[in-house]
């Protein structure tokens, strides 16, 4: 009986350790891979189909109107339709190992492991299946980019990038 209880406790501790340690390790690996432009590691750390789908929805909603609220002005409707046609190819071109590496090398020194005075990086578990890395521009605290990692099997991968409300205001 004691052996069975010991095995159950050990299993529970292993699951809890995986839950709290694995996403942080995956986030560090993602940061390192992007900083070093390590294509195989980026491919391992990112769920590209999920990330592309997320960005198409996020960017499409923001270009269709403010926060997904469509406007009825003829020019806005035409612009939104044109943006919608261009959104898929644009996201496909950006969401590649090279595209992500270039994006984060150019925009977030703190994310790439450098100390940047104007970017605050915070991260943590937000739910049992959601780990977030928030990049906040200290010069404009409303400007926040959130990288979301979710479990994919036993591995945590980047599946979404969120932007602060109003990030795409015209």
C-alpha atoms as a PDB file:
ATOM      1  CA  UNK A   1       0.000   0.000   0.000  1.00  0.00           C
ATOM      2  CA  UNK A   2       2.830   2.409   0.882  1.00  0.00           C
ATOM      3  CA  UNK A   3       4.575   1.667  -2.414  1.00  0.00           C
ATOM      4  CA  UNK A   4       1.414   2.438  -4.405  1.00  0.00           C
ATOM      5  CA  UNK A   5       0.923   5.699  -2.501  1.00  0.00           C
ATOM      6  CA  UNK A   6       4.576   6.587  -3.038  1.00  0.00           C
ATOM      7  CA  UNK A   7       4.244   5.971  -6.779  1.00  0.00           C
ATOM      8  CA  UNK A   8       1.061   8.065  -6.920  1.00  0.00           C
ATOM      9  CA  UNK A   9       2.748  10.944  -5.049  1.00  0.00           C
ATOM     10  CA  UNK A  10       5.836  10.727  -7.286  1.00  0.00           C
ATOM     11  CA  UNK A  11       3.597  10.767 -10.380  1.00  0.00           C
ATOM     12  CA  UNK A  12       1.659  13.772  -9.063  1.00  0.00           C
ATOM     13  CA  UNK A  13       4.902  15.637  -8.315  1.00  0.00           C
ATOM     14  CA  UNK A  14       6.203  14.856 -11.809  1.00  0.00           C
ATOM     15  CA  UNK A  15       2.995  16.181 -13.388  1.00  0.00           C
ATOM     16  CA  UNK A  16       3.128  19.354 -11.283  1.00  0.00           C
ATOM     17  CA  UNK A  17       6.796  19.857 -12.121  1.00  0.00           C
ATOM     18  CA  UNK A  18       6.025  19.460 -15.816  1.00  0.00           C
ATOM     19  CA  UNK A  19       3.116  21.886 -15.509  1.00  0.00           C
ATOM     20  CA  UNK A  20       5.197  24.639 -13.922  1.00  0.00           C
ATOM     21  CA  UNK A  21       8.714  24.039 -15.251  1.00  0.00           C
ATOM     22  CA  UNK A  22       8.150  22.837 -18.824  1.00  0.00           C
ATOM     23  CA  UNK A  23       6.486  26.021 -20.130  1.00  0.00           C
ATOM     24  CA  UNK A  24       9.206  28.242 -18.657  1.00  0.00           C
ATOM     25  CA  UNK A  25      11.901  26.053 -20.200  1.00  0.00           C
ATOM     26  CA  UNK A  26      10.052  26.107 -23.530  1.00  0.00           C
ATOM     27  CA  UNK A  27       9.810  29.919 -23.353  1.00  0.00           C
ATOM     28  CA  UNK A  28      13.551  30.186 -22.708  1.00  0.00           C
ATOM     29  CA  UNK A  29      14.249  27.825 -25.611  1.00  0.00           C
ATOM     30  CA  UNK A  30      12.002  29.907 -27.888  1.00  0.00           C
ATOM     31  CA  UNK A  31      13.834  33.088 -26.866  1.00  0.00           C
ATOM     32  CA  UNK A  32      17.222  31.474 -27.483  1.00  0.00           C
ATOM     33  CA  UNK A  33      16.147  30.034 -30.825  1.00  0.00           C
ATOM     34  CA  UNK A  34      14.806  33.386 -32.054  1.00  0.00           C
ATOM     35  CA  UNK A  35      17.897  35.249 -30.824  1.00  0.00           C
ATOM     36  CA  UNK A  36      20.277  32.775 -32.490  1.00  0.00           C
ATOM     37  CA  UNK A  37      18.115  32.249 -35.597  1.00  0.00           C
ATOM     38  CA  UNK A  38      18.239  28.507 -34.898  1.00  0.00           C
ATOM     39  CA  UNK A  39      15.776  27.276 -37.536  1.00  0.00           C
ATOM     40  CA  UNK A  40      15.376  23.676 -36.271  1.00  0.00           C
ATOM     41  CA  UNK A  41      14.807  24.908 -32.704  1.00  0.00           C
ATOM     42  CA  UNK A  42      12.285  27.532 -33.909  1.00  0.00           C
ATOM     43  CA  UNK A  43      10.441  24.850 -35.865  1.00  0.00           C
ATOM     44  CA  UNK A  44      10.302  22.753 -32.694  1.00  0.00           C
ATOM     45  CA  UNK A  45       9.169  25.654 -30.480  1.00  0.00           C
ATOM     46  CA  UNK A  46       6.379  27.009 -32.707  1.00  0.00           C
ATOM     47  CA  UNK A  47       3.122  25.397 -33.791  1.00  0.00           C
ATOM     48  CA  UNK A  48       3.062  27.142 -37.189  1.00  0.00           C
ATOM     49  CA  UNK A  49      -0.452  26.132 -38.328  1.00  0.00           C
ATOM     50  CA  UNK A  50      -1.996  27.310 -35.023  1.00  0.00           C
ATOM     51  CA  UNK A  51       0.038  30.536 -35.024  1.00  0.00           C
ATOM     52  CA  UNK A  52      -0.910  31.354 -38.614  1.00  0.00           C
ATOM     53  CA  UNK A  53      -4.588  30.757 -37.856  1.00  0.00           C
ATOM     54  CA  UNK A  54      -4.372  32.939 -34.749  1.00  0.00           C
ATOM     55  CA  UNK A  55      -2.694  35.813 -36.576  1.00  0.00           C
ATOM     56  CA  UNK A  56      -5.099  35.663 -39.520  1.00  0.00           C
ATOM     57  CA  UNK A  57      -7.996  36.008 -37.082  1.00  0.00           C
ATOM     58  CA  UNK A  58      -6.383  38.693 -34.937  1.00  0.00           C
ATOM     59  CA  UNK A  59      -5.101  40.821 -37.786  1.00  0.00           C
ATOM     60  CA  UNK A  60      -8.204  40.264 -39.902  1.00  0.00           C
ATOM     61  CA  UNK A  61     -10.481  41.438 -37.083  1.00  0.00           C
ATOM     62  CA  UNK A  62      -8.347  44.507 -36.487  1.00  0.00           C
ATOM     63  CA  UNK A  63      -8.204  45.475 -40.149  1.00  0.00           C
ATOM     64  CA  UNK A  64     -11.930  44.828 -40.641  1.00  0.00           C
ATOM     65  CA  UNK A  65     -12.701  47.471 -38.053  1.00  0.00           C
ATOM     66  CA  UNK A  66     -11.699  48.601 -34.633  1.00  0.00           C
ATOM     67  CA  UNK A  67     -11.538  45.496 -32.476  1.00  0.00           C
ATOM     68  CA  UNK A  68     -13.602  43.487 -34.935  1.00  0.00           C
ATOM     69  CA  UNK A  69     -16.432  46.042 -35.114  1.00  0.00           C
ATOM     70  CA  UNK A  70     -17.008  46.556 -38.839  1.00  0.00           C
ATOM     71  CA  UNK A  71     -17.457  50.055 -40.176  1.00  0.00           C
ATOM     72  CA  UNK A  72     -20.042  50.872 -42.827  1.00  0.00           C
ATOM     73  CA  UNK A  73     -18.128  53.558 -44.698  1.00  0.00           C
ATOM     74  CA  UNK A  74     -17.627  52.514 -48.359  1.00  0.00           C
ATOM     75  CA  UNK A  75     -13.878  53.232 -48.282  1.00  0.00           C
ATOM     76  CA  UNK A  76     -13.484  51.263 -45.075  1.00  0.00           C
ATOM     77  CA  UNK A  77     -15.418  48.300 -46.452  1.00  0.00           C
ATOM     78  CA  UNK A  78     -13.259  48.251 -49.594  1.00  0.00           C
ATOM     79  CA  UNK A  79     -10.070  48.614 -47.529  1.00  0.00           C
ATOM     80  CA  UNK A  80     -11.118  45.810 -45.212  1.00  0.00           C
ATOM     81  CA  UNK A  81     -11.912  43.535 -48.156  1.00  0.00           C
ATOM     82  CA  UNK A  82      -8.544  44.296 -49.750  1.00  0.00           C
ATOM     83  CA  UNK A  83      -6.743  43.743 -46.440  1.00  0.00           C
ATOM     84  CA  UNK A  84      -8.587  40.440 -46.040  1.00  0.00           C
ATOM     85  CA  UNK A  85      -7.354  39.254 -49.435  1.00  0.00           C
ATOM     86  CA  UNK A  86      -3.785  40.182 -48.584  1.00  0.00           C
ATOM     87  CA  UNK A  87      -3.885  38.893 -45.000  1.00  0.00           C
ATOM     88  CA  UNK A  88      -3.394  35.184 -45.732  1.00  0.00           C
ATOM     89  CA  UNK A  89      -0.286  35.541 -47.923  1.00  0.00           C
ATOM     90  CA  UNK A  90       1.143  38.216 -45.621  1.00  0.00           C
ATOM     91  CA  UNK A  91       0.742  36.011 -42.531  1.00  0.00           C
ATOM     92  CA  UNK A  92       2.120  32.990 -44.410  1.00  0.00           C
ATOM     93  CA  UNK A  93       5.217  34.992 -45.372  1.00  0.00           C
ATOM     94  CA  UNK A  94       5.768  36.327 -41.849  1.00  0.00           C
ATOM     95  CA  UNK A  95       5.096  33.162 -39.859  1.00  0.00           C
ATOM     96  CA  UNK A  96       8.232  31.269 -40.812  1.00  0.00           C
ATOM     97  CA  UNK A  97      11.334  30.582 -38.719  1.00  0.00           C
ATOM     98  CA  UNK A  98      13.228  33.376 -40.508  1.00  0.00           C
ATOM     99  CA  UNK A  99      10.274  35.776 -40.329  1.00  0.00           C
ATOM    100  CA  UNK A 100       9.737  35.295 -36.593  1.00  0.00           C
ATOM    101  CA  UNK A 101      13.445  35.570 -35.885  1.00  0.00           C
ATOM    102  CA  UNK A 102      13.685  38.835 -37.843  1.00  0.00           C
ATOM    103  CA  UNK A 103      10.551  40.202 -36.195  1.00  0.00           C
ATOM    104  CA  UNK A 104      11.777  39.678 -32.653  1.00  0.00           C
ATOM    105  CA  UNK A 105      15.400  40.607 -33.296  1.00  0.00           C
ATOM    106  CA  UNK A 106      14.308  43.963 -34.649  1.00  0.00           C
ATOM    107  CA  UNK A 107      11.652  44.783 -32.103  1.00  0.00           C
ATOM    108  CA  UNK A 108      12.528  43.532 -28.667  1.00  0.00           C
ATOM    109  CA  UNK A 109      16.065  43.626 -27.354  1.00  0.00           C
ATOM    110  CA  UNK A 110      14.891  42.386 -23.952  1.00  0.00           C
ATOM    111  CA  UNK A 111      13.168  39.437 -25.587  1.00  0.00           C
ATOM    112  CA  UNK A 112      16.411  38.357 -27.220  1.00  0.00           C
ATOM    113  CA  UNK A 113      18.157  38.241 -23.846  1.00  0.00           C
ATOM    114  CA  UNK A 114      19.584  41.761 -23.982  1.00  0.00           C
ATOM    115  CA  UNK A 115      18.764  44.285 -21.291  1.00  0.00           C
ATOM    116  CA  UNK A 116      16.587  46.967 -22.843  1.00  0.00           C
ATOM    117  CA  UNK A 117      15.540  49.987 -20.863  1.00  0.00           C
ATOM    118  CA  UNK A 118      12.292  50.484 -22.749  1.00  0.00           C
ATOM    119  CA  UNK A 119      10.952  46.895 -22.836  1.00  0.00           C
ATOM    120  CA  UNK A 120       9.666  44.966 -19.827  1.00  0.00           C
ATOM    121  CA  UNK A 121       9.407  41.210 -20.182  1.00  0.00           C
ATOM    122  CA  UNK A 122       7.163  39.294 -17.816  1.00  0.00           C
ATOM    123  CA  UNK A 123       6.003  35.728 -18.088  1.00  0.00           C
ATOM    124  CA  UNK A 124       4.024  33.151 -16.246  1.00  0.00           C
ATOM    125  CA  UNK A 125       1.384  30.493 -16.253  1.00  0.00           C
ATOM    126  CA  UNK A 126      -2.054  32.055 -16.867  1.00  0.00           C
ATOM    127  CA  UNK A 127      -4.020  28.805 -16.862  1.00  0.00           C
ATOM    128  CA  UNK A 128      -3.204  25.121 -16.763  1.00  0.00           C
ATOM    129  CA  UNK A 129      -2.840  25.169 -20.546  1.00  0.00           C
ATOM    130  CA  UNK A 130      -1.634  28.733 -21.189  1.00  0.00           C
ATOM    131  CA  UNK A 131       1.783  30.293 -20.555  1.00  0.00           C
ATOM    132  CA  UNK A 132       2.277  33.899 -21.628  1.00  0.00           C
ATOM    133  CA  UNK A 133       5.275  36.114 -22.246  1.00  0.00           C
ATOM    134  CA  UNK A 134       4.312  39.790 -22.189  1.00  0.00           C
ATOM    135  CA  UNK A 135       6.500  42.404 -23.852  1.00  0.00           C
ATOM    136  CA  UNK A 136       5.558  45.874 -22.635  1.00  0.00           C
ATOM    137  CA  UNK A 137       6.893  49.115 -24.097  1.00  0.00           C
ATOM    138  CA  UNK A 138       7.724  51.204 -21.022  1.00  0.00           C
ATOM    139  CA  UNK A 139       7.581  54.403 -23.088  1.00  0.00           C
ATOM    140  CA  UNK A 140       3.993  53.511 -24.003  1.00  0.00           C
ATOM    141  CA  UNK A 141       2.642  50.970 -21.456  1.00  0.00           C
ATOM    142  CA  UNK A 142      -0.519  50.450 -23.520  1.00  0.00           C
ATOM    143  CA  UNK A 143       1.680  48.873 -26.202  1.00  0.00           C
ATOM    144  CA  UNK A 144       1.846  45.195 -25.166  1.00  0.00           C
ATOM    145  CA  UNK A 145       2.599  42.112 -27.246  1.00  0.00           C
ATOM    146  CA  UNK A 146       1.767  38.753 -25.671  1.00  0.00           C
ATOM    147  CA  UNK A 147       3.311  35.499 -26.845  1.00  0.00           C
ATOM    148  CA  UNK A 148       1.174  32.520 -25.840  1.00  0.00           C
ATOM    149  CA  UNK A 149       2.516  29.008 -25.427  1.00  0.00           C
ATOM    150  CA  UNK A 150       0.152  26.062 -25.088  1.00  0.00           C
ATOM    151  CA  UNK A 151       0.872  22.374 -24.639  1.00  0.00           C
ATOM    152  CA  UNK A 152       1.107  20.196 -27.698  1.00  0.00           C
ATOM    153  CA  UNK A 153       1.532  16.668 -26.403  1.00  0.00           C
ATOM    154  CA  UNK A 154       4.305  16.856 -23.813  1.00  0.00           C
ATOM    155  CA  UNK A 155       5.812  19.980 -25.356  1.00  0.00           C
ATOM    156  CA  UNK A 156       4.794  23.644 -25.014  1.00  0.00           C
ATOM    157  CA  UNK A 157       4.771  25.621 -28.272  1.00  0.00           C
ATOM    158  CA  UNK A 158       4.080  29.175 -29.383  1.00  0.00           C
ATOM    159  CA  UNK A 159       0.515  29.117 -30.735  1.00  0.00           C
ATOM    160  CA  UNK A 160      -0.656  32.731 -30.530  1.00  0.00           C
ATOM    161  CA  UNK A 161       0.551  36.309 -30.512  1.00  0.00           C
ATOM    162  CA  UNK A 162      -1.751  38.855 -28.935  1.00  0.00           C
ATOM    163  CA  UNK A 163      -1.700  42.606 -29.296  1.00  0.00           C
ATOM    164  CA  UNK A 164      -2.971  45.279 -26.934  1.00  0.00           C
ATOM    165  CA  UNK A 165      -6.461  46.585 -27.710  1.00  0.00           C
ATOM    166  CA  UNK A 166      -6.209  49.459 -30.161  1.00  0.00           C
ATOM    167  CA  UNK A 167      -2.761  48.420 -31.425  1.00  0.00           C
ATOM    168  CA  UNK A 168      -4.000  48.788 -34.995  1.00  0.00           C
ATOM    169  CA  UNK A 169      -5.961  52.031 -34.665  1.00  0.00           C
ATOM    170  CA  UNK A 170      -5.788  54.202 -37.706  1.00  0.00           C
END
